[in-house]
Amino acid sequence: MPPEVLIAIIGSSALFSFIQFIITRIDNKRNNPLNDAVKALLRDRLIHICSGYLRNGEIRVNDLDTVISLYTSYKELGGNGFVTELVDQVTELPKIHN
């Protein structure tokens, strides 16, 4: 068997395995009850704290960093919609430097 054929067979098998791994990882991320629970908790927390900052009309810079960190995790778990609108509004608030 020529080396090119052997390399092609090994390469295509490795590529297929890698693609299958990625698809399985994405599927597990989306259909995991624990991830759903964490996403729900992040959503609840973000709605609660963003509503408070919007009522106050301002946000401390450190608190904005926390909001953005929570929101990044929320988005990575597939969250979107209403929370995105709230976070966008909070990022536009006047910033208070600690």
N, C-alpha and C. Protein backbone atom coordinates (compact mmCIF):
# COMPACT_ATOMS: atom_id res chain seq x y z
N MET A 1 0.86 -1.18 0.00
CA MET A 1 0.00 0.00 0.00
C MET A 1 0.90 1.24 0.00
N PRO A 2 0.66 2.17 -0.93
CA PRO A 2 1.49 3.39 -0.98
C PRO A 2 1.28 4.23 0.29
N PRO A 3 2.32 4.94 0.73
CA PRO A 3 2.22 5.75 1.95
C PRO A 3 1.15 6.82 1.85
N GLU A 4 0.91 7.36 0.65
CA GLU A 4 -0.11 8.40 0.50
C GLU A 4 -1.49 7.87 0.84
N VAL A 5 -1.77 6.64 0.46
CA VAL A 5 -3.07 6.03 0.75
C VAL A 5 -3.22 5.82 2.25
N LEU A 6 -2.17 5.32 2.88
CA LEU A 6 -2.21 5.10 4.32
C LEU A 6 -2.40 6.41 5.07
N ILE A 7 -1.70 7.46 4.65
CA ILE A 7 -1.84 8.77 5.28
C ILE A 7 -3.26 9.31 5.08
N ALA A 8 -3.81 9.12 3.89
CA ALA A 8 -5.17 9.58 3.61
C ALA A 8 -6.18 8.86 4.49
N ILE A 9 -6.01 7.57 4.66
CA ILE A 9 -6.94 6.78 5.49
C ILE A 9 -6.85 7.23 6.94
N ILE A 10 -5.63 7.37 7.46
CA ILE A 10 -5.44 7.80 8.85
C ILE A 10 -5.98 9.22 9.03
N GLY A 11 -5.67 10.10 8.09
CA GLY A 11 -6.10 11.49 8.18
C GLY A 11 -7.60 11.62 8.17
N SER A 12 -8.28 10.90 7.28
CA SER A 12 -9.73 11.02 7.21
C SER A 12 -10.39 10.44 8.44
N SER A 13 -9.83 9.38 8.99
CA SER A 13 -10.37 8.79 10.21
C SER A 13 -10.20 9.74 11.39
N ALA A 14 -9.05 10.38 11.48
CA ALA A 14 -8.80 11.32 12.57
C ALA A 14 -9.72 12.53 12.44
N LEU A 15 -9.88 13.02 11.23
CA LEU A 15 -10.77 14.17 11.01
C LEU A 15 -12.20 13.81 11.38
N PHE A 16 -12.66 12.64 10.96
CA PHE A 16 -14.02 12.21 11.29
C PHE A 16 -14.19 12.10 12.80
N SER A 17 -13.21 11.53 13.47
CA SER A 17 -13.29 11.39 14.94
C SER A 17 -13.35 12.76 15.62
N PHE A 18 -12.55 13.68 15.12
CA PHE A 18 -12.54 15.02 15.70
C PHE A 18 -13.88 15.71 15.49
N ILE A 19 -14.44 15.62 14.31
CA ILE A 19 -15.74 16.22 14.02
C ILE A 19 -16.82 15.60 14.91
N GLN A 20 -16.77 14.29 15.05
CA GLN A 20 -17.75 13.60 15.91
C GLN A 20 -17.61 14.06 17.36
N PHE A 21 -16.38 14.23 17.82
CA PHE A 21 -16.13 14.72 19.19
C PHE A 21 -16.74 16.10 19.39
N ILE A 22 -16.51 17.00 18.43
CA ILE A 22 -17.04 18.37 18.53
C ILE A 22 -18.57 18.36 18.55
N ILE A 23 -19.18 17.59 17.66
CA ILE A 23 -20.64 17.52 17.60
C ILE A 23 -21.21 16.97 18.91
N THR A 24 -20.59 15.93 19.45
CA THR A 24 -21.05 15.35 20.72
C THR A 24 -20.91 16.36 21.85
N ARG A 25 -19.81 17.08 21.87
CA ARG A 25 -19.59 18.08 22.92
C ARG A 25 -20.63 19.19 22.86
N ILE A 26 -20.92 19.67 21.67
CA ILE A 26 -21.93 20.71 21.51
C ILE A 26 -23.30 20.19 21.91
N ASP A 27 -23.63 18.98 21.50
CA ASP A 27 -24.92 18.39 21.82
C ASP A 27 -25.07 18.20 23.33
N ASN A 28 -24.02 17.73 23.98
CA ASN A 28 -24.08 17.56 25.44
C ASN A 28 -24.22 18.88 26.16
N LYS A 29 -23.61 19.91 25.63
CA LYS A 29 -23.70 21.23 26.25
C LYS A 29 -25.12 21.76 26.20
N ARG A 30 -25.82 21.49 25.11
CA ARG A 30 -27.17 22.01 24.94
C ARG A 30 -28.23 21.19 25.67
N ASN A 31 -28.00 19.91 25.85
CA ASN A 31 -29.03 19.03 26.39
C ASN A 31 -28.67 18.50 27.77
N ASN A 32 -28.01 19.28 28.55
CA ASN A 32 -27.58 18.86 29.87
C ASN A 32 -28.45 19.56 30.91
N PRO A 33 -29.16 18.80 31.74
CA PRO A 33 -30.03 19.42 32.76
C PRO A 33 -29.28 20.33 33.72
N LEU A 34 -28.04 20.00 34.03
CA LEU A 34 -27.25 20.86 34.91
C LEU A 34 -26.97 22.20 34.25
N ASN A 35 -26.62 22.18 32.98
CA ASN A 35 -26.40 23.43 32.25
C ASN A 35 -27.68 24.25 32.19
N ASP A 36 -28.81 23.58 31.99
CA ASP A 36 -30.10 24.28 31.96
C ASP A 36 -30.37 24.96 33.30
N ALA A 37 -30.05 24.25 34.39
CA ALA A 37 -30.27 24.81 35.72
C ALA A 37 -29.36 26.01 35.97
N VAL A 38 -28.10 25.90 35.59
CA VAL A 38 -27.16 27.01 35.76
C VAL A 38 -27.61 28.20 34.92
N LYS A 39 -28.05 27.93 33.69
CA LYS A 39 -28.53 29.02 32.83
C LYS A 39 -29.74 29.71 33.45
N ALA A 40 -30.64 28.95 34.04
CA ALA A 40 -31.82 29.54 34.68
C ALA A 40 -31.43 30.40 35.89
N LEU A 41 -30.46 29.92 36.67
CA LEU A 41 -29.99 30.71 37.81
C LEU A 41 -29.30 32.00 37.37
N LEU A 42 -28.47 31.89 36.33
CA LEU A 42 -27.82 33.09 35.80
C LEU A 42 -28.85 34.09 35.28
N ARG A 43 -29.88 33.57 34.59
CA ARG A 43 -30.93 34.44 34.06
C ARG A 43 -31.63 35.18 35.19
N ASP A 44 -32.00 34.44 36.23
CA ASP A 44 -32.68 35.03 37.37
C ASP A 44 -31.82 36.10 38.04
N ARG A 45 -30.55 35.77 38.25
CA ARG A 45 -29.64 36.71 38.92
C ARG A 45 -29.43 37.96 38.07
N LEU A 46 -29.23 37.78 36.77
CA LEU A 46 -29.02 38.92 35.89
C LEU A 46 -30.25 39.83 35.85
N ILE A 47 -31.43 39.25 35.77
CA ILE A 47 -32.65 40.06 35.76
C ILE A 47 -32.76 40.86 37.06
N HIS A 48 -32.49 40.20 38.17
CA HIS A 48 -32.59 40.84 39.48
C HIS A 48 -31.61 42.01 39.62
N ILE A 49 -30.33 41.76 39.33
CA ILE A 49 -29.35 42.83 39.56
C ILE A 49 -29.46 43.93 38.50
N CYS A 50 -29.74 43.56 37.27
CA CYS A 50 -29.87 44.59 36.22
C CYS A 50 -31.07 45.50 36.52
N SER A 51 -32.15 44.93 36.99
CA SER A 51 -33.32 45.74 37.34
C SER A 51 -32.98 46.75 38.42
N GLY A 52 -32.19 46.35 39.40
CA GLY A 52 -31.78 47.26 40.46
C GLY A 52 -30.91 48.39 39.94
N TYR A 53 -29.96 48.07 39.10
CA TYR A 53 -29.10 49.12 38.54
C TYR A 53 -29.91 50.08 37.66
N LEU A 54 -30.85 49.55 36.93
CA LEU A 54 -31.68 50.42 36.08
C LEU A 54 -32.55 51.34 36.94
N ARG A 55 -33.05 50.84 38.07
CA ARG A 55 -33.82 51.69 38.99
C ARG A 55 -32.95 52.80 39.56
N ASN A 56 -31.69 52.46 39.90
CA ASN A 56 -30.77 53.44 40.48
C ASN A 56 -30.25 54.43 39.44
N GLY A 57 -30.24 54.01 38.20
CA GLY A 57 -29.80 54.90 37.13
C GLY A 57 -28.30 55.02 36.98
N GLU A 58 -27.54 54.18 37.66
CA GLU A 58 -26.09 54.20 37.55
C GLU A 58 -25.54 52.85 38.01
N ILE A 59 -24.25 52.61 37.68
CA ILE A 59 -23.62 51.35 38.07
C ILE A 59 -22.15 51.59 38.34
N ARG A 60 -21.62 50.94 39.38
CA ARG A 60 -20.19 51.01 39.66
C ARG A 60 -19.45 50.17 38.62
N VAL A 61 -18.25 50.58 38.29
CA VAL A 61 -17.46 49.90 37.27
C VAL A 61 -17.23 48.43 37.65
N ASN A 62 -16.92 48.16 38.92
CA ASN A 62 -16.71 46.77 39.36
C ASN A 62 -17.98 45.94 39.21
N ASP A 63 -19.12 46.55 39.48
CA ASP A 63 -20.38 45.83 39.34
C ASP A 63 -20.68 45.54 37.87
N LEU A 64 -20.32 46.47 36.99
CA LEU A 64 -20.52 46.24 35.56
C LEU A 64 -19.66 45.07 35.09
N ASP A 65 -18.44 44.96 35.60
CA ASP A 65 -17.60 43.82 35.27
C ASP A 65 -18.26 42.51 35.69
N THR A 66 -18.90 42.51 36.85
CA THR A 66 -19.60 41.31 37.32
C THR A 66 -20.77 40.97 36.41
N VAL A 67 -21.54 41.99 36.03
CA VAL A 67 -22.68 41.77 35.13
C VAL A 67 -22.20 41.17 33.81
N ILE A 68 -21.13 41.73 33.27
CA ILE A 68 -20.62 41.24 31.99
C ILE A 68 -20.11 39.82 32.12
N SER A 69 -19.46 39.50 33.21
CA SER A 69 -18.97 38.14 33.44
C SER A 69 -20.12 37.14 33.53
N LEU A 70 -21.15 37.48 34.31
CA LEU A 70 -22.32 36.61 34.41
C LEU A 70 -23.00 36.45 33.05
N TYR A 71 -23.12 37.55 32.33
CA TYR A 71 -23.79 37.52 31.03
C TYR A 71 -23.01 36.69 30.01
N THR A 72 -21.69 36.78 30.05
CA THR A 72 -20.87 35.97 29.14
C THR A 72 -21.12 34.48 29.38
N SER A 73 -21.15 34.07 30.63
CA SER A 73 -21.44 32.67 30.94
C SER A 73 -22.85 32.28 30.50
N TYR A 74 -23.80 33.17 30.73
CA TYR A 74 -25.18 32.94 30.32
C TYR A 74 -25.28 32.72 28.82
N LYS A 75 -24.61 33.57 28.05
CA LYS A 75 -24.62 33.46 26.59
C LYS A 75 -23.97 32.16 26.12
N GLU A 76 -22.88 31.77 26.77
CA GLU A 76 -22.18 30.53 26.39
C GLU A 76 -23.06 29.31 26.61
N LEU A 77 -24.00 29.41 27.53
CA LEU A 77 -24.93 28.30 27.78
C LEU A 77 -26.16 28.38 26.88
N GLY A 78 -26.20 29.37 26.00
CA GLY A 78 -27.30 29.47 25.04
C GLY A 78 -28.36 30.49 25.41
N GLY A 79 -28.13 31.28 26.44
CA GLY A 79 -29.11 32.27 26.85
C GLY A 79 -29.15 33.46 25.90
N ASN A 80 -30.33 34.06 25.80
CA ASN A 80 -30.49 35.25 24.95
C ASN A 80 -31.81 35.92 25.28
N GLY A 81 -32.22 36.86 24.47
CA GLY A 81 -33.54 37.47 24.59
C GLY A 81 -33.61 38.62 25.56
N PHE A 82 -34.56 38.56 26.47
CA PHE A 82 -34.86 39.63 27.41
C PHE A 82 -33.64 40.05 28.22
N VAL A 83 -32.85 39.09 28.65
CA VAL A 83 -31.66 39.39 29.46
C VAL A 83 -30.66 40.21 28.64
N THR A 84 -30.54 39.91 27.37
CA THR A 84 -29.64 40.67 26.50
C THR A 84 -30.05 42.14 26.47
N GLU A 85 -31.34 42.39 26.37
CA GLU A 85 -31.84 43.77 26.37
C GLU A 85 -31.51 44.47 27.69
N LEU A 86 -31.70 43.77 28.81
CA LEU A 86 -31.39 44.36 30.12
C LEU A 86 -29.90 44.69 30.24
N VAL A 87 -29.06 43.76 29.87
CA VAL A 87 -27.61 43.97 29.98
C VAL A 87 -27.19 45.13 29.07
N ASP A 88 -27.76 45.21 27.88
CA ASP A 88 -27.44 46.33 26.99
C ASP A 88 -27.81 47.66 27.64
N GLN A 89 -28.96 47.71 28.29
CA GLN A 89 -29.39 48.94 28.96
C GLN A 89 -28.45 49.28 30.13
N VAL A 90 -28.04 48.26 30.88
CA VAL A 90 -27.15 48.48 32.03
C VAL A 90 -25.79 48.98 31.56
N THR A 91 -25.29 48.47 30.44
CA THR A 91 -23.97 48.93 29.97
C THR A 91 -24.00 50.39 29.53
N GLU A 92 -25.18 50.91 29.25
CA GLU A 92 -25.31 52.32 28.84
C GLU A 92 -25.47 53.27 30.03
N LEU A 93 -25.64 52.74 31.23
CA LEU A 93 -25.81 53.59 32.41
C LEU A 93 -24.53 54.37 32.71
N PRO A 94 -24.67 55.52 33.39
CA PRO A 94 -23.48 56.25 33.84
C PRO A 94 -22.68 55.36 34.81
N LYS A 95 -21.34 55.43 34.67
CA LYS A 95 -20.46 54.60 35.48
C LYS A 95 -19.92 55.40 36.66
N ILE A 96 -19.91 54.72 37.82
CA ILE A 96 -19.32 55.30 39.03
C ILE A 96 -17.99 54.57 39.25
N HIS A 97 -16.92 55.33 39.37
CA HIS A 97 -15.60 54.73 39.63
C HIS A 97 -15.42 54.57 41.12
N ASN A 98 -14.98 53.41 41.53
CA ASN A 98 -14.87 53.08 42.96
C ASN A 98 -13.80 53.87 43.63
